[in-house]
PDB file of N, CA and C in Angstrom:
ATOM      1  N   MET A   1      22.242  12.138  10.281  1.00  0.00           N
ATOM      2  CA  MET A   1      21.671  11.017   8.887  1.00  0.00           C
ATOM      3  C   MET A   1      22.806  10.950   7.957  1.00  0.00           C
ATOM      4  N   ASN A   2      22.561   9.881   7.050  1.00  0.00           N
ATOM      5  CA  ASN A   2      23.443   9.400   6.477  1.00  0.00           C
ATOM      6  C   ASN A   2      23.189   9.899   5.129  1.00  0.00           C
ATOM      7  N   VAL A   3      24.614  10.571   4.396  1.00  0.00           N
ATOM      8  CA  VAL A   3      24.678  10.951   3.485  1.00  0.00           C
ATOM      9  C   VAL A   3      24.535  10.853   2.396  1.00  0.00           C
ATOM     10  N   ASP A   4      24.326   9.318   2.248  1.00  0.00           N
ATOM     11  CA  ASP A   4      23.884   8.880   1.009  1.00  0.00           C
ATOM     12  C   ASP A   4      22.142   9.181   1.140  1.00  0.00           C
ATOM     13  N   VAL A   5      21.596   8.816   2.151  1.00  0.00           N
ATOM     14  CA  VAL A   5      19.883   9.258   2.107  1.00  0.00           C
ATOM     15  C   VAL A   5      19.756  10.907   1.647  1.00  0.00           C
ATOM     16  N   GLU A   6      20.656  11.664   1.985  1.00  0.00           N
ATOM     17  CA  GLU A   6      20.131  13.105   1.874  1.00  0.00           C
ATOM     18  C   GLU A   6      20.891  13.232   0.287  1.00  0.00           C
ATOM     19  N   ILE A   7      21.830  12.746  -0.240  1.00  0.00           N
ATOM     20  CA  ILE A   7      21.898  12.903  -1.827  1.00  0.00           C
ATOM     21  C   ILE A   7      20.964  12.407  -2.661  1.00  0.00           C
ATOM     22  N   TYR A   8      20.468  11.396  -2.275  1.00  0.00           N
ATOM     23  CA  TYR A   8      19.164  10.578  -2.745  1.00  0.00           C
ATOM     24  C   TYR A   8      18.162  11.468  -2.661  1.00  0.00           C
ATOM     25  N   MET A   9      17.869  12.051  -1.665  1.00  0.00           N
ATOM     26  CA  MET A   9      16.758  12.871  -1.231  1.00  0.00           C
ATOM     27  C   MET A   9      16.662  14.278  -2.006  1.00  0.00           C
ATOM     28  N   ASN A  10      17.701  14.698  -2.119  1.00  0.00           N
ATOM     29  CA  ASN A  10      18.046  16.372  -3.046  1.00  0.00           C
ATOM     30  C   ASN A  10      17.905  15.788  -4.279  1.00  0.00           C
ATOM     31  N   ASN A  11      18.108  14.756  -4.963  1.00  0.00           N
ATOM     32  CA  ASN A  11      18.102  14.406  -6.407  1.00  0.00           C
ATOM     33  C   ASN A  11      16.325  13.690  -6.389  1.00  0.00           C
ATOM     34  N   VAL A  12      15.829  13.263  -5.411  1.00  0.00           N
ATOM     35  CA  VAL A  12      14.361  13.253  -5.488  1.00  0.00           C
ATOM     36  C   VAL A  12      13.673  14.259  -5.652  1.00  0.00           C
ATOM     37  N   VAL A  13      13.848  15.215  -4.700  1.00  0.00           N
ATOM     38  CA  VAL A  13      13.171  16.561  -4.350  1.00  0.00           C
ATOM     39  C   VAL A  13      13.539  17.630  -5.960  1.00  0.00           C
ATOM     40  N   LYS A  14      14.764  17.682  -6.452  1.00  0.00           N
ATOM     41  CA  LYS A  14      15.062  18.313  -7.332  1.00  0.00           C
ATOM     42  C   LYS A  14      14.226  17.926  -8.781  1.00  0.00           C
ATOM     43  N   PHE A  15      14.411  16.504  -8.997  1.00  0.00           N
ATOM     44  CA  PHE A  15      13.207  15.645 -10.006  1.00  0.00           C
ATOM     45  C   PHE A  15      11.955  16.104 -10.085  1.00  0.00           C
ATOM     46  N   PHE A  16      11.244  16.342  -8.696  1.00  0.00           N
ATOM     47  CA  PHE A  16       9.966  16.493  -8.797  1.00  0.00           C
ATOM     48  C   PHE A  16       9.706  18.233  -8.647  1.00  0.00           C
ATOM     49  N   LYS A  17      10.831  19.328  -8.324  1.00  0.00           N
ATOM     50  CA  LYS A  17      10.685  20.485  -8.528  1.00  0.00           C
ATOM     51  C   LYS A  17      10.635  20.983 -10.092  1.00  0.00           C
ATOM     52  N   SER A  18      11.536  19.922 -10.685  1.00  0.00           N
ATOM     53  CA  SER A  18      11.708  20.327 -12.076  1.00  0.00           C
ATOM     54  C   SER A  18      10.717  19.852 -13.028  1.00  0.00           C
ATOM     55  N   ASN A  19       9.674  18.931 -12.323  1.00  0.00           N
ATOM     56  CA  ASN A  19       8.593  18.218 -13.187  1.00  0.00           C
ATOM     57  C   ASN A  19       7.449  17.832 -12.306  1.00  0.00           C
ATOM     58  N   PRO A  20       6.698  18.960 -11.921  1.00  0.00           N
ATOM     59  CA  PRO A  20       5.600  19.115 -11.187  1.00  0.00           C
ATOM     60  C   PRO A  20       4.669  17.800 -11.497  1.00  0.00           C
ATOM     61  N   ASN A  21       4.465  17.699 -12.862  1.00  0.00           N
ATOM     62  CA  ASN A  21       3.285  17.414 -13.262  1.00  0.00           C
ATOM     63  C   ASN A  21       3.479  15.713 -12.947  1.00  0.00           C
ATOM     64  N   ASP A  22       4.700  15.201 -12.720  1.00  0.00           N
ATOM     65  CA  ASP A  22       5.213  13.766 -12.625  1.00  0.00           C
ATOM     66  C   ASP A  22       4.737  13.706 -10.977  1.00  0.00           C
ATOM     67  N   LEU A  23       4.869  14.621 -10.385  1.00  0.00           N
ATOM     68  CA  LEU A  23       4.016  14.230  -8.788  1.00  0.00           C
ATOM     69  C   LEU A  23       2.895  14.303  -8.872  1.00  0.00           C
ATOM     70  N   LEU A  24       2.273  15.051  -9.255  1.00  0.00           N
ATOM     71  CA  LEU A  24       0.851  15.019  -9.609  1.00  0.00           C
ATOM     72  C   LEU A  24       0.319  13.968 -10.001  1.00  0.00           C
ATOM     73  N   ASN A  25       0.852  13.029 -10.872  1.00  0.00           N
ATOM     74  CA  ASN A  25       0.546  11.961 -11.372  1.00  0.00           C
ATOM     75  C   ASN A  25       0.624  11.151  -9.898  1.00  0.00           C
ATOM     76  N   LEU A  26       1.418  11.106  -9.279  1.00  0.00           N
ATOM     77  CA  LEU A  26       1.554  10.315  -8.354  1.00  0.00           C
ATOM     78  C   LEU A  26       0.703  10.432  -7.016  1.00  0.00           C
ATOM     79  N   ILE A  27       0.788  11.663  -6.418  1.00  0.00           N
ATOM     80  CA  ILE A  27      -0.019  12.000  -5.225  1.00  0.00           C
ATOM     81  C   ILE A  27      -0.306  13.154  -5.184  1.00  0.00           C
ATOM     82  N   PRO A  28      -1.551  13.342  -4.314  1.00  0.00           N
ATOM     83  CA  PRO A  28      -2.362  14.774  -4.479  1.00  0.00           C
ATOM     84  C   PRO A  28      -1.064  15.328  -3.986  1.00  0.00           C
ATOM     85  N   LYS A  29      -1.605  17.027  -4.505  1.00  0.00           N
ATOM     86  CA  LYS A  29      -0.316  18.155  -4.146  1.00  0.00           C
ATOM     87  C   LYS A  29      -0.374  18.572  -2.920  1.00  0.00           C
ATOM     88  N   ASP A  30      -1.829  18.004  -1.865  1.00  0.00           N
ATOM     89  CA  ASP A  30      -1.120  18.591  -0.438  1.00  0.00           C
ATOM     90  C   ASP A  30      -0.333  17.377   0.388  1.00  0.00           C
ATOM     91  N   LYS A  31       0.090  16.074  -0.266  1.00  0.00           N
ATOM     92  CA  LYS A  31       0.670  15.454   0.500  1.00  0.00           C
ATOM     93  C   LYS A  31       2.008  15.350   0.007  1.00  0.00           C
ATOM     94  N   GLU A  32       2.624  16.314  -0.518  1.00  0.00           N
ATOM     95  CA  GLU A  32       3.777  16.522  -1.150  1.00  0.00           C
ATOM     96  C   GLU A  32       4.883  16.236  -0.092  1.00  0.00           C
ATOM     97  N   ASP A  33       4.735  16.973   1.028  1.00  0.00           N
ATOM     98  CA  ASP A  33       5.298  17.013   2.192  1.00  0.00           C
ATOM     99  C   ASP A  33       5.855  15.482   2.900  1.00  0.00           C
ATOM    100  N   GLU A  34       4.611  15.019   3.262  1.00  0.00           N
ATOM    101  CA  GLU A  34       4.177  13.565   3.803  1.00  0.00           C
ATOM    102  C   GLU A  34       4.951  12.523   2.639  1.00  0.00           C
ATOM    103  N   PHE A  35       4.883  12.737   1.208  1.00  0.00           N
ATOM    104  CA  PHE A  35       5.514  12.217   0.457  1.00  0.00           C
ATOM    105  C   PHE A  35       6.998  12.368   0.579  1.00  0.00           C
ATOM    106  N   TYR A  36       7.754  13.116   0.602  1.00  0.00           N
ATOM    107  CA  TYR A  36       9.093  13.356   0.948  1.00  0.00           C
ATOM    108  C   TYR A  36       9.499  12.502   2.047  1.00  0.00           C
ATOM    109  N   GLN A  37       8.776  13.041   3.393  1.00  0.00           N
ATOM    110  CA  GLN A  37       9.160  11.995   4.246  1.00  0.00           C
ATOM    111  C   GLN A  37       8.921  10.664   4.050  1.00  0.00           C
ATOM    112  N   LYS A  38       7.851  10.106   3.941  1.00  0.00           N
ATOM    113  CA  LYS A  38       7.841   8.931   3.681  1.00  0.00           C
ATOM    114  C   LYS A  38       9.320   8.159   2.620  1.00  0.00           C
ATOM    115  N   ILE A  39       9.611   8.746   1.923  1.00  0.00           N
ATOM    116  CA  ILE A  39      10.807   8.546   1.393  1.00  0.00           C
ATOM    117  C   ILE A  39      11.920   8.058   2.070  1.00  0.00           C
ATOM    118  N   ARG A  40      12.323   9.503   2.675  1.00  0.00           N
ATOM    119  CA  ARG A  40      13.137   9.507   3.895  1.00  0.00           C
ATOM    120  C   ARG A  40      13.379   8.439   4.591  1.00  0.00           C
ATOM    121  N   GLU A  41      12.050   8.319   5.147  1.00  0.00           N
ATOM    122  CA  GLU A  41      12.194   7.022   6.138  1.00  0.00           C
ATOM    123  C   GLU A  41      12.673   5.763   5.709  1.00  0.00           C
ATOM    124  N   VAL A  42      11.831   5.571   4.389  1.00  0.00           N
ATOM    125  CA  VAL A  42      12.129   4.181   3.644  1.00  0.00           C
ATOM    126  C   VAL A  42      13.642   3.967   3.253  1.00  0.00           C
ATOM    127  N   SER A  43      14.273   5.200   2.563  1.00  0.00           N
ATOM    128  CA  SER A  43      15.490   5.520   2.416  1.00  0.00           C
ATOM    129  C   SER A  43      16.677   5.065   3.482  1.00  0.00           C
ATOM    130  N   SER A  44      15.912   5.548   4.389  1.00  0.00           N
ATOM    131  CA  SER A  44      16.664   5.257   5.903  1.00  0.00           C
ATOM    132  C   SER A  44      17.233   3.960   6.071  1.00  0.00           C
ATOM    133  N   LYS A  45      15.931   3.112   6.191  1.00  0.00           N
ATOM    134  CA  LYS A  45      15.820   2.010   6.540  1.00  0.00           C
ATOM    135  C   LYS A  45      16.547   1.072   5.366  1.00  0.00           C
ATOM    136  N   ASN A  46      16.543   1.561   4.257  1.00  0.00           N
ATOM    137  CA  ASN A  46      17.382   0.572   3.422  1.00  0.00           C
ATOM    138  C   ASN A  46      18.712   0.954   3.893  1.00  0.00           C
ATOM    139  N   THR A  47      19.328   1.951   4.294  1.00  0.00           N
ATOM    140  CA  THR A  47      20.757   2.027   4.402  1.00  0.00           C
ATOM    141  C   THR A  47      21.041   1.316   5.887  1.00  0.00           C
ATOM    142  N   GLU A  48      20.341   1.375   6.727  1.00  0.00           N
ATOM    143  CA  GLU A  48      20.266   0.646   7.736  1.00  0.00           C
ATOM    144  C   GLU A  48      20.568  -0.739   8.018  1.00  0.00           C
ATOM    145  N   LYS A  49      19.578  -1.261   6.494  1.00  0.00           N
ATOM    146  CA  LYS A  49      19.877  -2.757   6.341  1.00  0.00           C
ATOM    147  C   LYS A  49      21.232  -3.306   5.729  1.00  0.00           C
ATOM    148  N   GLY A  50      21.785  -2.396   5.423  1.00  0.00           N
ATOM    149  CA  GLY A  50      23.016  -2.565   4.653  1.00  0.00           C
ATOM    150  C   GLY A  50      22.746  -2.254   2.862  1.00  0.00           C
ATOM    151  N   GLU A  51      21.327  -1.717   2.459  1.00  0.00           N
ATOM    152  CA  GLU A  51      21.192  -1.824   1.259  1.00  0.00           C
ATOM    153  C   GLU A  51      21.051  -0.294   0.589  1.00  0.00           C
ATOM    154  N   ASP A  52      21.144  -0.390  -0.603  1.00  0.00           N
ATOM    155  CA  ASP A  52      21.366   1.324  -1.332  1.00  0.00           C
ATOM    156  C   ASP A  52      20.231   2.113  -0.745  1.00  0.00           C
ATOM    157  N   ALA A  53      20.695   3.595  -0.717  1.00  0.00           N
ATOM    158  CA  ALA A  53      19.418   4.274  -0.310  1.00  0.00           C
ATOM    159  C   ALA A  53      18.434   4.287  -1.063  1.00  0.00           C
ATOM    160  N   PRO A  54      18.602   4.220  -2.764  1.00  0.00           N
ATOM    161  CA  PRO A  54      17.090   4.646  -3.727  1.00  0.00           C
ATOM    162  C   PRO A  54      16.137   3.478  -3.311  1.00  0.00           C
ATOM    163  N   LEU A  55      15.035   4.000  -3.399  1.00  0.00           N
ATOM    164  CA  LEU A  55      14.036   3.059  -3.313  1.00  0.00           C
ATOM    165  C   LEU A  55      13.717   2.117  -4.199  1.00  0.00           C
ATOM    166  N   THR A  56      13.483   0.979  -4.456  1.00  0.00           N
ATOM    167  CA  THR A  56      12.918   0.559  -5.497  1.00  0.00           C
ATOM    168  C   THR A  56      11.752   0.589  -5.877  1.00  0.00           C
ATOM    169  N   GLN A  57      11.223   0.192  -7.007  1.00  0.00           N
ATOM    170  CA  GLN A  57       9.941   0.230  -7.691  1.00  0.00           C
ATOM    171  C   GLN A  57       9.033   0.169  -6.540  1.00  0.00           C
ATOM    172  N   LYS A  58       8.717  -1.027  -6.382  1.00  0.00           N
ATOM    173  CA  LYS A  58       7.829  -1.619  -5.399  1.00  0.00           C
ATOM    174  C   LYS A  58       7.785  -0.623  -3.918  1.00  0.00           C
ATOM    175  N   GLN A  59       8.504  -0.212  -3.377  1.00  0.00           N
ATOM    176  CA  GLN A  59       8.334   0.876  -2.258  1.00  0.00           C
ATOM    177  C   GLN A  59       7.836   2.006  -2.232  1.00  0.00           C
ATOM    178  N   ILE A  60       8.352   3.078  -4.095  1.00  0.00           N
ATOM    179  CA  ILE A  60       7.836   3.938  -4.431  1.00  0.00           C
ATOM    180  C   ILE A  60       6.643   3.757  -4.481  1.00  0.00           C
ATOM    181  N   ILE A  61       5.697   2.882  -5.145  1.00  0.00           N
ATOM    182  CA  ILE A  61       4.212   2.203  -5.626  1.00  0.00           C
ATOM    183  C   ILE A  61       4.011   2.272  -4.177  1.00  0.00           C
ATOM    184  N   ASP A  62       4.319   1.424  -2.958  1.00  0.00           N
ATOM    185  CA  ASP A  62       3.388   1.440  -2.081  1.00  0.00           C
ATOM    186  C   ASP A  62       3.550   2.725  -1.279  1.00  0.00           C
ATOM    187  N   ILE A  63       4.316   3.821  -1.101  1.00  0.00           N
ATOM    188  CA  ILE A  63       4.163   5.030  -0.419  1.00  0.00           C
ATOM    189  C   ILE A  63       3.365   5.928  -1.402  1.00  0.00           C
ATOM    190  N   CYS A  64       3.096   5.533  -2.574  1.00  0.00           N
ATOM    191  CA  CYS A  64       1.912   6.352  -3.554  1.00  0.00           C
ATOM    192  C   CYS A  64       0.712   5.913  -2.940  1.00  0.00           C
ATOM    193  N   VAL A  65       0.445   4.637  -2.911  1.00  0.00           N
ATOM    194  CA  VAL A  65      -0.789   3.862  -3.181  1.00  0.00           C
ATOM    195  C   VAL A  65      -1.189   4.305  -1.290  1.00  0.00           C
ATOM    196  N   ILE A  66      -0.430   4.291  -0.513  1.00  0.00           N
ATOM    197  CA  ILE A  66      -0.545   5.073   1.018  1.00  0.00           C
ATOM    198  C   ILE A  66      -1.400   6.260   0.923  1.00  0.00           C
ATOM    199  N   LEU A  67      -0.321   6.989   0.376  1.00  0.00           N
ATOM    200  CA  LEU A  67      -0.991   8.473   0.471  1.00  0.00           C
ATOM    201  C   LEU A  67      -2.044   8.721  -0.336  1.00  0.00           C
ATOM    202  N   ASN A  68      -2.635   7.855  -1.401  1.00  0.00           N
ATOM    203  CA  ASN A  68      -3.721   7.704  -2.213  1.00  0.00           C
ATOM    204  C   ASN A  68      -4.776   7.257  -1.363  1.00  0.00           C
ATOM    205  N   GLY A  69      -4.475   6.581   0.225  1.00  0.00           N
ATOM    206  CA  GLY A  69      -5.897   6.284   0.912  1.00  0.00           C
ATOM    207  C   GLY A  69      -5.807   4.771   0.635  1.00  0.00           C
ATOM    208  N   LYS A  70      -5.402   4.048   0.277  1.00  0.00           N
ATOM    209  CA  LYS A  70      -5.725   2.881   0.041  1.00  0.00           C
ATOM    210  C   LYS A  70      -4.459   1.962   1.220  1.00  0.00           C
ATOM    211  N   THR A  71      -4.608   0.752   0.939  1.00  0.00           N
ATOM    212  CA  THR A  71      -3.340   0.107   1.455  1.00  0.00           C
ATOM    213  C   THR A  71      -2.713  -0.524   0.714  1.00  0.00           C
ATOM    214  N   PRO A  72      -1.245  -0.999   1.182  1.00  0.00           N
ATOM    215  CA  PRO A  72      -0.257  -1.660   0.040  1.00  0.00           C
ATOM    216  C   PRO A  72      -1.030  -3.313  -0.373  1.00  0.00           C
ATOM    217  N   LYS A  73      -1.816  -3.902   0.392  1.00  0.00           N
ATOM    218  CA  LYS A  73      -2.457  -5.100   0.426  1.00  0.00           C
ATOM    219  C   LYS A  73      -3.184  -4.885  -0.893  1.00  0.00           C
ATOM    220  N   GLU A  74      -4.065  -4.030  -1.370  1.00  0.00           N
ATOM    221  CA  GLU A  74      -5.063  -4.053  -2.020  1.00  0.00           C
ATOM    222  C   GLU A  74      -4.343  -3.981  -3.579  1.00  0.00           C
ATOM    223  N   ASN A  75      -3.177  -3.689  -3.739  1.00  0.00           N
ATOM    224  CA  ASN A  75      -2.159  -3.351  -4.604  1.00  0.00           C
ATOM    225  C   ASN A  75      -1.760  -4.929  -4.693  1.00  0.00           C
ATOM    226  N   LYS A  76      -1.703  -5.706  -4.176  1.00  0.00           N
ATOM    227  CA  LYS A  76      -1.097  -7.055  -3.873  1.00  0.00           C
ATOM    228  C   LYS A  76      -2.152  -7.964  -4.882  1.00  0.00           C
ATOM    229  N   LYS A  77      -3.473  -8.041  -4.797  1.00  0.00           N
ATOM    230  CA  LYS A  77      -4.046  -8.519  -5.801  1.00  0.00           C
ATOM    231  C   LYS A  77      -3.595  -8.246  -7.395  1.00  0.00           C
ATOM    232  N   LEU A  78      -3.193  -6.883  -7.651  1.00  0.00           N
ATOM    233  CA  LEU A  78      -2.942  -6.572  -9.167  1.00  0.00           C
ATOM    234  C   LEU A  78      -1.402  -7.312  -9.413  1.00  0.00           C
ATOM    235  N   GLU A  79      -0.413  -7.573  -8.451  1.00  0.00           N
ATOM    236  CA  GLU A  79       0.450  -8.029  -8.472  1.00  0.00           C
ATOM    237  C   GLU A  79       0.578  -9.515  -9.022  1.00  0.00           C
ATOM    238  N   GLU A  80      -0.608 -10.309  -8.065  1.00  0.00           N
ATOM    239  CA  GLU A  80      -0.766 -11.587  -8.135  1.00  0.00           C
ATOM    240  C   GLU A  80      -1.202 -12.052  -9.646  1.00  0.00           C
ATOM    241  N   THR A  81      -1.961 -10.845 -10.469  1.00  0.00           N
ATOM    242  CA  THR A  81      -2.330 -11.270 -11.430  1.00  0.00           C
ATOM    243  C   THR A  81      -1.444 -11.029 -12.447  1.00  0.00           C
ATOM    244  N   LEU A  82      -0.342 -10.044 -12.351  1.00  0.00           N
ATOM    245  CA  LEU A  82       0.783  -9.643 -13.216  1.00  0.00           C
ATOM    246  C   LEU A  82       1.364 -10.987 -12.926  1.00  0.00           C
ATOM    247  N   GLU A  83       2.001 -11.696 -11.851  1.00  0.00           N
ATOM    248  CA  GLU A  83       2.724 -12.853 -11.955  1.00  0.00           C
ATOM    249  C   GLU A  83       2.027 -14.038 -12.632  1.00  0.00           C
ATOM    250  N   SER A  84       0.821 -14.310 -12.590  1.00  0.00           N
ATOM    251  CA  SER A  84       0.136 -15.436 -13.013  1.00  0.00           C
ATOM    252  C   SER A  84       0.266 -15.288 -14.561  1.00  0.00           C
ATOM    253  N   CYS A  85       0.514 -13.894 -15.446  1.00  0.00           N
ATOM    254  CA  CYS A  85       0.814 -13.928 -16.741  1.00  0.00           C
ATOM    255  C   CYS A  85       2.206 -14.009 -16.977  1.00  0.00           C
ATOM    256  N   MET A  86       2.846 -14.430 -16.214  1.00  0.00           N
ATOM    257  CA  MET A  86       4.393 -14.579 -16.446  1.00  0.00           C
ATOM    258  C   MET A  86       4.713 -15.867 -16.331  1.00  0.00           C
ATOM    259  N   LEU A  87       5.656 -16.038 -17.189  1.00  0.00           N
ATOM    260  CA  LEU A  87       6.407 -17.626 -17.452  1.00  0.00           C
ATOM    261  C   LEU A  87       7.727 -17.625 -17.373  1.00  0.00           C
ATOM    262  N   ASP A  88       8.601 -17.794 -16.304  1.00  0.00           N
ATOM    263  CA  ASP A  88      10.096 -17.826 -16.276  1.00  0.00           C
ATOM    264  C   ASP A  88      10.349 -19.570 -17.050  1.00  0.00           C
ATOM    265  N   THR A  89      11.430 -18.931 -18.356  1.00  0.00           N
ATOM    266  CA  THR A  89      11.844 -20.263 -18.814  1.00  0.00           C
ATOM    267  C   THR A  89      13.442 -19.695 -18.886  1.00  0.00           C
ATOM    268  N   LYS A  90      14.421 -20.693 -19.576  1.00  0.00           N
ATOM    269  CA  LYS A  90      15.698 -20.816 -19.395  1.00  0.00           C
ATOM    270  C   LYS A  90      15.806 -19.436 -20.299  1.00  0.00           C
ATOM    271  N   PHE A  91      14.997 -19.042 -20.982  1.00  0.00           N
ATOM    272  CA  PHE A  91      15.377 -17.789 -22.074  1.00  0.00           C
ATOM    273  C   PHE A  91      15.026 -16.336 -21.413  1.00  0.00           C
ATOM    274  N   GLY A  92      14.344 -16.481 -20.406  1.00  0.00           N
ATOM    275  CA  GLY A  92      14.186 -15.545 -19.273  1.00  0.00           C
ATOM    276  C   GLY A  92      12.751 -15.681 -18.680  1.00  0.00           C
ATOM    277  N   ILE A  93      11.804 -14.027 -19.030  1.00  0.00           N
ATOM    278  CA  ILE A  93      10.569 -14.155 -18.310  1.00  0.00           C
ATOM    279  C   ILE A  93       9.987 -14.122 -19.524  1.00  0.00           C
ATOM    280  N   ILE A  94       8.873 -14.632 -19.669  1.00  0.00           N
ATOM    281  CA  ILE A  94       7.963 -14.437 -21.005  1.00  0.00           C
ATOM    282  C   ILE A  94       6.450 -13.807 -20.142  1.00  0.00           C
ATOM    283  N   PHE A  95       5.696 -13.036 -21.104  1.00  0.00           N
ATOM    284  CA  PHE A  95       4.798 -12.340 -20.508  1.00  0.00           C
ATOM    285  C   PHE A  95       3.310 -12.863 -21.579  1.00  0.00           C
ATOM    286  N   LEU A  96       2.465 -13.825 -20.776  1.00  0.00           N
ATOM    287  CA  LEU A  96       1.545 -14.446 -21.569  1.00  0.00           C
ATOM    288  C   LEU A  96       0.577 -13.450 -21.577  1.00  0.00           C
ATOM    289  N   ASN A  97       0.087 -13.271 -23.046  1.00  0.00           N
ATOM    290  CA  ASN A  97      -0.741 -12.202 -23.149  1.00  0.00           C
ATOM    291  C   ASN A  97      -2.166 -12.588 -24.212  1.00  0.00           C
TER     292      ASN A  97
END
């Protein structure tokens, strides 16, 4: 197993052990082990592709969506709605509200 993945996983587990309410805001308590396993799998895939071990925000959200009984595709509609409210300009991204 990759050392970077192990270091990342130790930090993730340590954070959620210190902040259990943050974990409960993301997933049901009975899915904690599955949550860590999925994070480890995605982190390993990231390193195999030559990317950093830490997951992106989207990767974490997708794992949480799956563990809460939905498919990431259902989350895609929300992303499309958010993207339609953004305008990319030479000054950066502007949110239209």
